[in-house]
C-alpha atoms as a PDB file:
ATOM      1  CA  MET A   1      -0.494   0.314   0.114  1.00  0.00           C
ATOM      2  CA  LYS A   2       3.040   2.368   1.238  1.00  0.00           C
ATOM      3  CA  ARG A   3       4.417   1.656  -2.300  1.00  0.00           C
ATOM      4  CA  LEU A   4       1.478   2.350  -4.385  1.00  0.00           C
ATOM      5  CA  ILE A   5       0.892   5.814  -2.666  1.00  0.00           C
ATOM      6  CA  THR A   6       4.836   6.725  -2.878  1.00  0.00           C
ATOM      7  CA  ILE A   7       4.471   5.851  -6.457  1.00  0.00           C
ATOM      8  CA  SER A   8       1.113   7.765  -6.996  1.00  0.00           C
ATOM      9  CA  LEU A   9       2.047  10.861  -5.195  1.00  0.00           C
ATOM     10  CA  LEU A  10       5.754  10.745  -7.670  1.00  0.00           C
ATOM     11  CA  LEU A  11       3.455  10.481 -10.322  1.00  0.00           C
ATOM     12  CA  LEU A  12       1.292  13.457  -9.734  1.00  0.00           C
ATOM     13  CA  PHE A  13       4.169  16.167  -8.279  1.00  0.00           C
ATOM     14  CA  SER A  14       6.162  14.939 -11.436  1.00  0.00           C
ATOM     15  CA  LEU A  15       2.653  15.874 -13.569  1.00  0.00           C
ATOM     16  CA  GLY A  16       2.569  19.114 -11.829  1.00  0.00           C
ATOM     17  CA  ALA A  17       5.853  20.465 -12.378  1.00  0.00           C
ATOM     18  CA  VAL A  18       6.285  19.188 -16.579  1.00  0.00           C
ATOM     19  CA  ALA A  19       2.753  21.370 -16.431  1.00  0.00           C
ATOM     20  CA  CYS A  20       4.022  24.168 -14.637  1.00  0.00           C
ATOM     21  CA  ALA A  21       7.392  24.561 -16.489  1.00  0.00           C
ATOM     22  CA  ALA A  22       6.506  24.077 -20.090  1.00  0.00           C
ATOM     23  CA  PRO A  23       8.102  26.482 -22.239  1.00  0.00           C
ATOM     24  CA  ALA A  24       5.581  27.468 -24.503  1.00  0.00           C
ATOM     25  CA  MET A  25       3.713  30.218 -23.264  1.00  0.00           C
ATOM     26  CA  ARG A  26       1.316  31.339 -25.634  1.00  0.00           C
ATOM     27  CA  GLN A  27      -1.029  34.299 -25.492  1.00  0.00           C
ATOM     28  CA  SER A  28      -4.385  35.365 -27.532  1.00  0.00           C
ATOM     29  CA  GLU A  29      -5.479  38.493 -28.834  1.00  0.00           C
ATOM     30  CA  GLY A  30      -7.429  39.552 -25.687  1.00  0.00           C
ATOM     31  CA  GLY A  31      -4.631  39.223 -23.507  1.00  0.00           C
ATOM     32  CA  PHE A  32      -5.474  35.827 -21.974  1.00  0.00           C
ATOM     33  CA  PRO A  33      -2.202  33.663 -21.052  1.00  0.00           C
ATOM     34  CA  ILE A  34      -1.883  30.580 -22.263  1.00  0.00           C
ATOM     35  CA  GLU A  35       0.564  26.979 -21.100  1.00  0.00           C
ATOM     36  CA  ALA A  36       0.802  24.819 -23.263  1.00  0.00           C
ATOM     37  CA  PRO A  37       1.974  21.989 -21.941  1.00  0.00           C
ATOM     38  CA  VAL A  38       3.195  18.594 -23.698  1.00  0.00           C
ATOM     39  CA  VAL A  39       3.165  15.858 -21.580  1.00  0.00           C
ATOM     40  CA  GLU A  40       5.878  12.462 -23.254  1.00  0.00           C
ATOM     41  CA  LYS A  41       5.033   9.297 -22.704  1.00  0.00           C
ATOM     42  CA  ALA A  42       8.706   8.544 -21.620  1.00  0.00           C
ATOM     43  CA  VAL A  43       8.772  11.054 -19.412  1.00  0.00           C
ATOM     44  CA  VAL A  44       5.488   8.916 -17.330  1.00  0.00           C
ATOM     45  CA  GLU A  45       7.393   6.182 -17.784  1.00  0.00           C
ATOM     46  CA  ASP A  46      10.495   6.812 -16.461  1.00  0.00           C
ATOM     47  CA  MET A  47       8.819   8.174 -13.665  1.00  0.00           C
ATOM     48  CA  VAL A  48       6.700   5.609 -12.154  1.00  0.00           C
ATOM     49  CA  ALA A  49       9.716   2.810 -13.270  1.00  0.00           C
ATOM     50  CA  GLY A  50       8.474   1.290 -16.187  1.00  0.00           C
ATOM     51  CA  VAL A  51       4.593   1.556 -15.647  1.00  0.00           C
ATOM     52  CA  PRO A  52       2.683   2.110 -18.953  1.00  0.00           C
ATOM     53  CA  PRO A  53       0.705   5.356 -19.040  1.00  0.00           C
ATOM     54  CA  ALA A  54      -2.018   3.647 -20.387  1.00  0.00           C
ATOM     55  CA  GLU A  55      -2.176   1.316 -17.170  1.00  0.00           C
ATOM     56  CA  LEU A  56      -2.033   4.728 -14.942  1.00  0.00           C
ATOM     57  CA  GLY A  57      -5.283   6.507 -16.812  1.00  0.00           C
ATOM     58  CA  PHE A  58      -3.756   8.598 -18.498  1.00  0.00           C
ATOM     59  CA  SER A  59      -3.849   9.855 -22.252  1.00  0.00           C
ATOM     60  CA  PHE A  60      -2.399  11.731 -25.067  1.00  0.00           C
ATOM     61  CA  ALA A  61      -3.030  13.823 -27.538  1.00  0.00           C
ATOM     62  CA  SER A  62      -2.537  12.848 -31.328  1.00  0.00           C
ATOM     63  CA  PRO A  63      -3.755  14.794 -34.188  1.00  0.00           C
ATOM     64  CA  GLU A  64      -6.273  12.256 -35.064  1.00  0.00           C
ATOM     65  CA  GLU A  65      -8.377  13.673 -32.373  1.00  0.00           C
ATOM     66  CA  VAL A  66      -8.433  17.364 -34.613  1.00  0.00           C
ATOM     67  CA  THR A  67     -11.476  17.087 -36.516  1.00  0.00           C
ATOM     68  CA  GLN A  68     -11.905  21.289 -36.806  1.00  0.00           C
ATOM     69  CA  ARG A  69      -9.642  24.431 -37.060  1.00  0.00           C
ATOM     70  CA  LEU A  70     -10.230  26.632 -33.736  1.00  0.00           C
ATOM     71  CA  VAL A  71      -9.680  30.115 -35.323  1.00  0.00           C
ATOM     72  CA  ILE A  72     -10.396  33.247 -33.847  1.00  0.00           C
ATOM     73  CA  ARG A  73     -11.817  36.160 -35.917  1.00  0.00           C
ATOM     74  CA  ASN A  74     -11.855  39.749 -34.431  1.00  0.00           C
ATOM     75  CA  ALA A  75     -12.441  43.472 -36.795  1.00  0.00           C
ATOM     76  CA  SER A  76     -11.845  46.735 -35.800  1.00  0.00           C
ATOM     77  CA  LEU A  77     -13.339  49.749 -37.879  1.00  0.00           C
ATOM     78  CA  THR A  78     -12.768  53.453 -38.183  1.00  0.00           C
ATOM     79  CA  ILE A  79     -16.098  55.397 -39.296  1.00  0.00           C
ATOM     80  CA  VAL A  80     -17.207  58.745 -40.027  1.00  0.00           C
ATOM     81  CA  VAL A  81     -20.376  59.296 -39.477  1.00  0.00           C
ATOM     82  CA  ILE A  82     -22.929  62.650 -38.802  1.00  0.00           C
ATOM     83  CA  ASP A  83     -24.559  61.650 -35.403  1.00  0.00           C
ATOM     84  CA  PRO A  84     -21.734  59.443 -33.362  1.00  0.00           C
ATOM     85  CA  SER A  85     -23.755  58.692 -30.211  1.00  0.00           C
ATOM     86  CA  GLN A  86     -26.812  57.875 -32.587  1.00  0.00           C
ATOM     87  CA  SER A  87     -24.097  55.709 -34.779  1.00  0.00           C
ATOM     88  CA  VAL A  88     -23.756  53.755 -31.081  1.00  0.00           C
ATOM     89  CA  GLU A  89     -27.213  53.430 -30.108  1.00  0.00           C
ATOM     90  CA  ASP A  90     -27.760  51.820 -33.841  1.00  0.00           C
ATOM     91  CA  ILE A  91     -24.665  49.365 -33.148  1.00  0.00           C
ATOM     92  CA  SER A  92     -25.936  48.377 -30.240  1.00  0.00           C
ATOM     93  CA  GLN A  93     -29.077  47.302 -31.024  1.00  0.00           C
ATOM     94  CA  MET A  94     -27.423  45.745 -34.345  1.00  0.00           C
ATOM     95  CA  ALA A  95     -25.314  43.439 -32.177  1.00  0.00           C
ATOM     96  CA  GLN A  96     -28.610  42.559 -29.787  1.00  0.00           C
ATOM     97  CA  GLU A  97     -30.063  41.799 -33.479  1.00  0.00           C
ATOM     98  CA  MET A  98     -27.835  39.108 -34.505  1.00  0.00           C
ATOM     99  CA  GLY A  99     -27.252  37.796 -31.892  1.00  0.00           C
ATOM    100  CA  GLY A 100     -24.491  39.451 -29.815  1.00  0.00           C
ATOM    101  CA  PHE A 101     -24.309  41.611 -27.197  1.00  0.00           C
ATOM    102  CA  VAL A 102     -21.979  45.030 -26.541  1.00  0.00           C
ATOM    103  CA  VAL A 103     -18.963  44.785 -24.316  1.00  0.00           C
ATOM    104  CA  SER A 104     -17.912  48.355 -24.020  1.00  0.00           C
ATOM    105  CA  SER A 105     -19.266  51.815 -24.982  1.00  0.00           C
ATOM    106  CA  ASN A 106     -17.433  55.411 -24.933  1.00  0.00           C
ATOM    107  CA  ILE A 107     -18.982  58.632 -26.306  1.00  0.00           C
ATOM    108  CA  TYR A 108     -16.991  61.376 -25.197  1.00  0.00           C
ATOM    109  CA  GLN A 109     -16.363  65.993 -26.091  1.00  0.00           C
ATOM    110  CA  THR A 110     -13.375  66.326 -28.145  1.00  0.00           C
ATOM    111  CA  THR A 111     -11.937  69.702 -30.256  1.00  0.00           C
ATOM    112  CA  PHE A 112     -11.372  69.223 -34.522  1.00  0.00           C
ATOM    113  CA  ASP A 113      -8.609  71.510 -36.070  1.00  0.00           C
ATOM    114  CA  ASP A 114      -8.765  73.736 -32.721  1.00  0.00           C
ATOM    115  CA  THR A 115     -11.624  75.569 -33.616  1.00  0.00           C
ATOM    116  CA  VAL A 116     -14.909  73.162 -33.263  1.00  0.00           C
ATOM    117  CA  VAL A 117     -16.166  71.149 -30.772  1.00  0.00           C
ATOM    118  CA  ALA A 118     -17.850  67.978 -31.336  1.00  0.00           C
ATOM    119  CA  PHE A 119     -18.691  64.574 -30.089  1.00  0.00           C
ATOM    120  CA  ARG A 120     -16.591  61.511 -30.646  1.00  0.00           C
ATOM    121  CA  ALA A 121     -17.486  57.680 -29.749  1.00  0.00           C
ATOM    122  CA  SER A 122     -16.128  54.414 -29.772  1.00  0.00           C
ATOM    123  CA  ILE A 123     -17.976  50.837 -29.337  1.00  0.00           C
ATOM    124  CA  THR A 124     -17.062  46.794 -28.530  1.00  0.00           C
ATOM    125  CA  ILE A 125     -19.185  44.507 -29.513  1.00  0.00           C
ATOM    126  CA  ARG A 126     -19.542  40.737 -30.087  1.00  0.00           C
ATOM    127  CA  VAL A 127     -21.144  38.526 -32.453  1.00  0.00           C
ATOM    128  CA  PRO A 128     -21.427  35.260 -34.014  1.00  0.00           C
ATOM    129  CA  ALA A 129     -18.170  34.580 -35.873  1.00  0.00           C
ATOM    130  CA  GLU A 130     -20.335  33.277 -38.573  1.00  0.00           C
ATOM    131  CA  ARG A 131     -22.301  36.894 -39.075  1.00  0.00           C
ATOM    132  CA  LEU A 132     -18.841  38.247 -38.635  1.00  0.00           C
ATOM    133  CA  ASP A 133     -19.122  39.870 -42.183  1.00  0.00           C
ATOM    134  CA  GLU A 134     -22.629  40.606 -42.351  1.00  0.00           C
ATOM    135  CA  THR A 135     -22.216  42.712 -39.463  1.00  0.00           C
ATOM    136  CA  LEU A 136     -19.393  44.723 -40.860  1.00  0.00           C
ATOM    137  CA  ASN A 137     -21.006  45.354 -44.422  1.00  0.00           C
ATOM    138  CA  GLN A 138     -24.359  46.630 -42.285  1.00  0.00           C
ATOM    139  CA  ILE A 139     -22.166  49.258 -40.637  1.00  0.00           C
ATOM    140  CA  LYS A 140     -20.407  50.509 -42.958  1.00  0.00           C
ATOM    141  CA  ASP A 141     -23.565  50.697 -45.119  1.00  0.00           C
ATOM    142  CA  ASP A 142     -24.433  53.295 -42.257  1.00  0.00           C
ATOM    143  CA  ALA A 143     -21.234  55.196 -42.480  1.00  0.00           C
ATOM    144  CA  MET A 144     -20.530  58.430 -44.883  1.00  0.00           C
ATOM    145  CA  GLU A 145     -16.941  57.053 -44.684  1.00  0.00           C
ATOM    146  CA  ILE A 146     -14.319  54.087 -43.777  1.00  0.00           C
ATOM    147  CA  ARG A 147     -10.976  55.389 -43.067  1.00  0.00           C
ATOM    148  CA  ASN A 148      -9.588  51.722 -41.561  1.00  0.00           C
ATOM    149  CA  GLU A 149     -11.040  48.330 -41.397  1.00  0.00           C
ATOM    150  CA  ASN A 150      -8.873  45.639 -40.504  1.00  0.00           C
ATOM    151  CA  ILE A 151     -10.199  42.054 -40.050  1.00  0.00           C
ATOM    152  CA  SER A 152      -7.639  39.584 -37.908  1.00  0.00           C
ATOM    153  CA  GLY A 153      -7.601  35.518 -37.453  1.00  0.00           C
ATOM    154  CA  GLN A 154      -5.890  33.922 -35.081  1.00  0.00           C
ATOM    155  CA  ASP A 155      -5.489  30.016 -35.102  1.00  0.00           C
ATOM    156  CA  VAL A 156      -5.868  28.393 -31.428  1.00  0.00           C
ATOM    157  CA  THR A 157      -6.049  24.894 -32.272  1.00  0.00           C
ATOM    158  CA  GLN A 158      -2.931  23.756 -30.607  1.00  0.00           C
ATOM    159  CA  GLU A 159      -3.460  25.691 -27.669  1.00  0.00           C
ATOM    160  CA  PHE A 160      -6.948  24.309 -27.364  1.00  0.00           C
ATOM    161  CA  THR A 161      -5.994  20.994 -27.696  1.00  0.00           C
ATOM    162  CA  ASP A 162      -3.363  20.565 -25.197  1.00  0.00           C
ATOM    163  CA  LEU A 163      -5.366  22.481 -22.741  1.00  0.00           C
ATOM    164  CA  LYS A 164      -7.765  19.754 -23.466  1.00  0.00           C
ATOM    165  CA  SER A 165      -5.048  16.907 -23.224  1.00  0.00           C
ATOM    166  CA  GLN A 166      -3.776  18.622 -19.789  1.00  0.00           C
ATOM    167  CA  LEU A 167      -7.669  18.456 -18.702  1.00  0.00           C
ATOM    168  CA  ARG A 168      -7.543  15.370 -19.433  1.00  0.00           C
ATOM    169  CA  ASN A 169      -4.078  13.985 -17.504  1.00  0.00           C
ATOM    170  CA  LEU A 170      -5.814  15.951 -14.672  1.00  0.00           C
ATOM    171  CA  GLU A 171      -8.863  14.381 -14.287  1.00  0.00           C
ATOM    172  CA  ALA A 172      -6.722  11.167 -14.447  1.00  0.00           C
ATOM    173  CA  ALA A 173      -4.512  12.299 -11.531  1.00  0.00           C
ATOM    174  CA  GLU A 174      -7.831  13.333  -9.385  1.00  0.00           C
ATOM    175  CA  GLU A 175      -9.169   9.810 -10.287  1.00  0.00           C
ATOM    176  CA  GLU A 176      -6.373   7.876  -9.022  1.00  0.00           C
ATOM    177  CA  LEU A 177      -5.887  10.307  -6.088  1.00  0.00           C
ATOM    178  CA  LEU A 178      -9.745   9.765  -4.897  1.00  0.00           C
ATOM    179  CA  GLU A 179      -8.954   6.101  -4.531  1.00  0.00           C
ATOM    180  CA  ILE A 180      -5.746   6.832  -2.788  1.00  0.00           C
ATOM    181  CA  MET A 181      -7.629   8.597  -0.480  1.00  0.00           C
ATOM    182  CA  ASP A 182     -10.254   5.761   0.122  1.00  0.00           C
ATOM    183  CA  ALA A 183      -7.396   2.996   0.033  1.00  0.00           C
ATOM    184  CA  SER A 184      -5.692   4.902   2.497  1.00  0.00           C
ATOM    185  CA  THR A 185      -5.821   4.216   6.663  1.00  0.00           C
ATOM    186  CA  GLU A 186      -2.898   6.372   8.135  1.00  0.00           C
ATOM    187  CA  ALA A 187      -4.973   9.890   8.684  1.00  0.00           C
ATOM    188  CA  GLU A 188      -1.287  11.383   7.898  1.00  0.00           C
ATOM    189  CA  HIS A 189      -1.498   9.724   4.286  1.00  0.00           C
ATOM    190  CA  VAL A 190      -4.927  10.896   3.648  1.00  0.00           C
ATOM    191  CA  LEU A 191      -3.800  14.489   4.917  1.00  0.00           C
ATOM    192  CA  ASP A 192      -1.475  15.013   2.548  1.00  0.00           C
ATOM    193  CA  VAL A 193      -3.494  13.230  -0.286  1.00  0.00           C
ATOM    194  CA  PHE A 194      -6.392  15.398   0.335  1.00  0.00           C
ATOM    195  CA  GLU A 195      -4.245  19.086   0.161  1.00  0.00           C
ATOM    196  CA  HIS A 196      -2.879  17.299  -3.564  1.00  0.00           C
ATOM    197  CA  LEU A 197      -6.516  16.298  -4.499  1.00  0.00           C
ATOM    198  CA  ARG A 198      -7.580  20.172  -3.660  1.00  0.00           C
ATOM    199  CA  GLN A 199      -4.343  21.432  -5.698  1.00  0.00           C
ATOM    200  CA  VAL A 200      -5.189  19.120  -8.674  1.00  0.00           C
ATOM    201  CA  ARG A 201      -9.038  20.177  -8.545  1.00  0.00           C
ATOM    202  CA  GLY A 202      -8.054  23.720  -8.606  1.00  0.00           C
ATOM    203  CA  GLU A 203      -6.114  22.958 -11.814  1.00  0.00           C
ATOM    204  CA  ILE A 204      -8.659  21.359 -13.423  1.00  0.00           C
ATOM    205  CA  GLU A 205     -10.717  24.469 -12.822  1.00  0.00           C
ATOM    206  CA  ILE A 206      -8.781  27.057 -14.076  1.00  0.00           C
ATOM    207  CA  THR A 207      -7.680  24.648 -17.375  1.00  0.00           C
ATOM    208  CA  LYS A 208     -11.669  24.503 -17.880  1.00  0.00           C
ATOM    209  CA  GLY A 209     -11.800  28.363 -17.789  1.00  0.00           C
ATOM    210  CA  ARG A 210      -9.080  28.452 -20.571  1.00  0.00           C
ATOM    211  CA  ILE A 211     -10.793  26.035 -22.412  1.00  0.00           C
ATOM    212  CA  GLN A 212     -13.996  28.216 -22.244  1.00  0.00           C
ATOM    213  CA  TYR A 213     -12.049  31.223 -23.147  1.00  0.00           C
ATOM    214  CA  TYR A 214     -10.912  29.711 -26.415  1.00  0.00           C
ATOM    215  CA  GLU A 215     -14.521  27.986 -27.238  1.00  0.00           C
ATOM    216  CA  GLU A 216     -15.991  31.686 -26.014  1.00  0.00           C
ATOM    217  CA  SER A 217     -13.878  33.845 -28.234  1.00  0.00           C
ATOM    218  CA  ALA A 218     -13.747  31.466 -31.609  1.00  0.00           C
ATOM    219  CA  ARG A 219     -17.697  31.289 -31.176  1.00  0.00           C
ATOM    220  CA  MET A 220     -18.195  35.010 -30.624  1.00  0.00           C
ATOM    221  CA  SER A 221     -15.880  37.786 -32.968  1.00  0.00           C
ATOM    222  CA  ALA A 222     -15.290  40.708 -31.119  1.00  0.00           C
ATOM    223  CA  ILE A 223     -15.509  44.006 -33.506  1.00  0.00           C
ATOM    224  CA  SER A 224     -14.693  47.376 -32.347  1.00  0.00           C
ATOM    225  CA  VAL A 225     -15.680  51.115 -33.873  1.00  0.00           C
ATOM    226  CA  GLU A 226     -14.000  54.071 -33.961  1.00  0.00           C
ATOM    227  CA  ILE A 227     -16.492  56.918 -34.800  1.00  0.00           C
ATOM    228  CA  ILE A 228     -15.485  60.274 -36.076  1.00  0.00           C
ATOM    229  CA  PRO A 229     -17.965  62.674 -36.357  1.00  0.00           C
ATOM    230  CA  ASP A 230     -17.988  64.173 -39.866  1.00  0.00           C
ATOM    231  CA  VAL A 231     -15.988  67.088 -40.683  1.00  0.00           C
ATOM    232  CA  ALA A 232     -18.558  69.060 -43.400  1.00  0.00           C
ATOM    233  CA  ALA A 233     -21.434  68.650 -41.203  1.00  0.00           C
ATOM    234  CA  ARG A 234     -19.824  70.037 -37.968  1.00  0.00           C
ATOM    235  CA  PRO A 235     -18.976  73.678 -38.636  1.00  0.00           C
ATOM    236  CA  LEU A 236     -20.711  76.747 -39.779  1.00  0.00           C
ATOM    237  CA  GLN A 237     -18.364  77.769 -42.643  1.00  0.00           C
ATOM    238  CA  ILE A 238     -19.353  81.234 -45.229  1.00  0.00           C
ATOM    239  CA  GLY A 239     -16.337  81.005 -47.368  1.00  0.00           C
ATOM    240  CA  ARG A 240     -13.269  80.773 -45.499  1.00  0.00           C
ATOM    241  CA  TRP A 241     -15.061  82.783 -42.266  1.00  0.00           C
ATOM    242  CA  GLN A 242     -15.859  80.577 -39.296  1.00  0.00           C
ATOM    243  CA  PRO A 243     -18.033  82.260 -36.663  1.00  0.00           C
ATOM    244  CA  GLN A 244     -17.176  79.627 -34.221  1.00  0.00           C
ATOM    245  CA  GLY A 245     -13.433  80.017 -34.536  1.00  0.00           C
ATOM    246  CA  THR A 246     -13.808  83.808 -34.099  1.00  0.00           C
ATOM    247  CA  ALA A 247     -16.424  83.701 -31.041  1.00  0.00           C
ATOM    248  CA  LYS A 248     -14.085  80.610 -29.201  1.00  0.00           C
ATOM    249  CA  ALA A 249     -10.764  83.523 -30.380  1.00  0.00           C
ATOM    250  CA  ALA A 250     -12.645  86.311 -28.973  1.00  0.00           C
ATOM    251  CA  VAL A 251     -13.542  84.263 -25.771  1.00  0.00           C
ATOM    252  CA  GLU A 252      -9.838  83.546 -25.471  1.00  0.00           C
ATOM    253  CA  ALA A 253      -8.542  87.206 -25.898  1.00  0.00           C
ATOM    254  CA  LEU A 254     -11.028  87.962 -22.982  1.00  0.00           C
ATOM    255  CA  ILE A 255      -9.896  85.277 -20.342  1.00  0.00           C
ATOM    256  CA  ASN A 256      -6.240  86.056 -21.736  1.00  0.00           C
ATOM    257  CA  THR A 257      -6.702  89.478 -20.603  1.00  0.00           C
ATOM    258  CA  LEU A 258      -8.450  89.119 -17.530  1.00  0.00           C
ATOM    259  CA  GLN A 259      -5.504  86.860 -16.525  1.00  0.00           C
ATOM    260  CA  PHE A 260      -2.935  89.206 -16.751  1.00  0.00           C
ATOM    261  CA  LEU A 261      -4.881  91.857 -14.908  1.00  0.00           C
ATOM    262  CA  GLY A 262      -5.535  89.272 -12.510  1.00  0.00           C
ATOM    263  CA  ASP A 263      -1.911  88.096 -12.478  1.00  0.00           C
ATOM    264  CA  ALA A 264      -0.855  92.204 -11.882  1.00  0.00           C
ATOM    265  CA  PHE A 265      -3.225  92.443  -9.351  1.00  0.00           C
ATOM    266  CA  ILE A 266      -1.328  89.059  -7.326  1.00  0.00           C
ATOM    267  CA  TRP A 267       2.002  90.357  -8.062  1.00  0.00           C
ATOM    268  CA  GLY A 268       1.407  93.633  -6.834  1.00  0.00           C
ATOM    269  CA  LEU A 269      -0.350  92.486  -3.193  1.00  0.00           C
ATOM    270  CA  ILE A 270       2.501  90.111  -2.513  1.00  0.00           C
ATOM    271  CA  CYS A 271       5.265  91.841  -4.301  1.00  0.00           C
ATOM    272  CA  VAL A 272       4.499  95.805  -5.017  1.00  0.00           C
ATOM    273  CA  VAL A 273       3.346  96.593  -1.677  1.00  0.00           C
ATOM    274  CA  PRO A 274       5.513  95.151   1.081  1.00  0.00           C
ATOM    275  CA  ILE A 275       8.640  96.692  -1.455  1.00  0.00           C
ATOM    276  CA  GLY A 276       6.772 100.020  -1.100  1.00  0.00           C
ATOM    277  CA  VAL A 277       5.721 100.133   2.400  1.00  0.00           C
ATOM    278  CA  ILE A 278       9.359  99.042   3.432  1.00  0.00           C
ATOM    279  CA  LEU A 279      11.499 101.709   1.259  1.00  0.00           C
ATOM    280  CA  GLY A 280       8.546 104.162   1.775  1.00  0.00           C
ATOM    281  CA  LEU A 281       8.374 104.409   5.367  1.00  0.00           C
ATOM    282  CA  PRO A 282      12.081 105.825   5.840  1.00  0.00           C
ATOM    283  CA  THR A 283      11.647 108.499   3.014  1.00  0.00           C
ATOM    284  CA  TRP A 284       8.293 109.290   4.375  1.00  0.00           C
ATOM    285  CA  PHE A 285      10.358 110.013   7.835  1.00  0.00           C
ATOM    286  CA  VAL A 286      13.361 111.872   6.488  1.00  0.00           C
ATOM    287  CA  VAL A 287      11.218 114.053   4.207  1.00  0.00           C
ATOM    288  CA  ARG A 288       9.221 114.539   7.810  1.00  0.00           C
ATOM    289  CA  THR A 289      11.834 115.984   9.237  1.00  0.00           C
ATOM    290  CA  ILE A 290      13.329 117.938   6.580  1.00  0.00           C
ATOM    291  CA  LEU A 291       9.725 119.938   6.198  1.00  0.00           C
ATOM    292  CA  ARG A 292       9.301 119.802  10.145  1.00  0.00           C
ATOM    293  CA  ARG A 293      13.039 121.998  10.419  1.00  0.00           C
ATOM    294  CA  ARG A 294      12.626 123.805   7.542  1.00  0.00           C
ATOM    295  CA  LYS A 295       9.299 125.105   9.171  1.00  0.00           C
ATOM    296  CA  ALA A 296      11.438 125.768  12.250  1.00  0.00           C
ATOM    297  CA  ILE A 297      14.273 127.843  10.332  1.00  0.00           C
ATOM    298  CA  ASP A 298      11.417 129.976   8.833  1.00  0.00           C
ATOM    299  CA  SER A 299       9.283 130.776  12.305  1.00  0.00           C
ATOM    300  CA  GLU A 300      13.075 131.489  13.985  1.00  0.00           C
ATOM    301  CA  ALA A 301      13.433 134.246  10.800  1.00  0.00           C
ATOM    302  CA  GLU A 302      10.258 135.862  10.958  1.00  0.00           C
ATOM    303  CA  VAL A 303      10.475 136.127  15.031  1.00  0.00           C
ATOM    304  CA  SER A 304      14.004 138.034  14.922  1.00  0.00           C
END
């Protein structure tokens, strides 16, 4: 019994080390880190002293198991419209009609050509991958101009296959640990096996989450749209004269003038007044003394 427990624990430790130290780290387009461990049959056989992996319940992925490619398709657009706010509403409704949803949307105010203030928007939606092209065509049909369009595809078949293989191995390890725990009679061994079982179950949940992420990303394509207001629809322009620009320049001149006067007042209050007091008081006393002496001399001259 102890020999079986020792062999099984060595097998689980080695399997965890191989899974954690896999050199291949891949990253999906959404920034989700994916490990792609590859378990060699020879390594497992060496760990258990010649016991074939098939007898321990472990399985390995083969090329024949891959029946279809798993590709994540995403797109990005930059369009010009008359009313960005209305376009955000239209695209949101379109995503729901296509069987998708809105990931995020943002409407903000910005300045164009240093004179015109207008609204700009951005929105990210997800739609079924098979309706990606249809959604893109509808968005472009409603736009006045297409500034940029980009469609990308990422083949994650290998990463997905590796994760499925890792999940099968972890589930097999879970079954082995359950059998060992049922067969153990010593409390210390039961606690050790339970701790390893808890770790393996945590790895199973993480691996399932990554598999689900790949499946959802391949099933629902992301579309990011940058929405710019139409330049011709925004400014009121007569010849080369733009009233908005003139009004803005006048307001800026007024603000600059008031700012200059305010700065001058602050400088005078903080700097000029103290200096004037420091220099003026001695001068005032000197002048006053001189005038008093002259007045006294004049008075004496009149008396004599």
